[in-house]
């Protein structure tokens, strides 16, 4: 029966008086103000208050106070002190002071809040304020912090130690029963999504004035044009960082018909080849430095190789030659390949003796062999055919000289 109805006492009966429409409207407004607050809360705070109001395992008074604490705590610092007077908290929880303290006891027993004792001021000796703090399970239940990743199921004894209030919301319910609630209160059409982690190869765009939201938007535009923003930035980075309007220039590249994926792939392959060449050059230089000043022989000890002390040249001495030859070109690669293949071995006294023996035999063979007569020492003989040919050439030469003089 409406509150605005008036009861009139008669003789032996009580009959209601018809309610005034103005009184009915006032009662409806008061009821709306009582059941629904007009304060617009951020989504994370609204979700925390909603979760606290629907928590299981604690009394209703504790849920009401936890919802008030969720509205009061700093959502960016959920573990910080809650700066609020008792009057504010009791008003938001709609509780009396005695019920407020009982609710605090319930929350502290459930392990959802911490109530540090009051402290005295140093010189005055007066008691200071005691601020409430949310515990880590409470912050996770309210959605103010992300729960840690669980590698495996907890031990049974650990499960028994968890408070009933913590177990009640350990599993997410947004995709099951609360889906419609989240959909209605948090519409995707009006919510500005928070940026995620940018790819490492796109972080350099921020130095050119690109915001995170713009980079993610450009990534979507690149997908619409069948491109990858990473490929476009990788190929055109040198021109992009010199452009006066890099945002417009990058969007023009996204609309172009150039195959940036092919260019980026070729660029990466060329960079990989250069890296392999550099690594191979470093490996060759390391091997050469380890063998600086070393003496080597080939497998049949017919060639003696000596590396210079500064690794700039290598001296090669054949057993059949009188003087060694110096190689100052790109000999390092062949030298390392010969060592790794086993074609060159380090010098030993036995190999030195074998090489000297071969040199001595080669020297004796050269001394015993007769020297061939050089062709230029033999007398030249003018044959008849050669004389006739020479006479014809002289006649042609004289006729040519006479014709030139006549003109």
Foldseek 3Di string as FASTA:
>chain_A
DDPQWDWDDDVPDIDIDDGDPVVVVVVVVVVCVVPDPPDDDDPLLVLLLVLLCPFPQFDNLLSLLSSLQSNQADLQCQFDFRPDDPVSSCVSSVHDPVSVVVSVVRCVVLQFKDWDDWDADDPVRHTDDITMGGDPLSCCSSVSDPDDDDPDDDDPVVVVPHGPRSVRCVDDCCVPPVVVVCCVVPPPVPDDDDADDDPPLCPVVVVVPDDRVNVVVVQVLLVVLVHGLSLLCVQCVVVLSVDPDNVVVSVVVSPDPDDSVVVSVVVVVVVVVVVVVVVVVVVLVVVLQVQAQFWKAFPQLQKIWGAHNVNQWIWIDGLLDDDIDIDRPPCSVVVVVCVVVVRIDTDDPVSVVVSVVSSVVNVVVVVPDDDDDDPVPDDDDQDPVNVVVVVVVVVVVVVVVVVVVVD
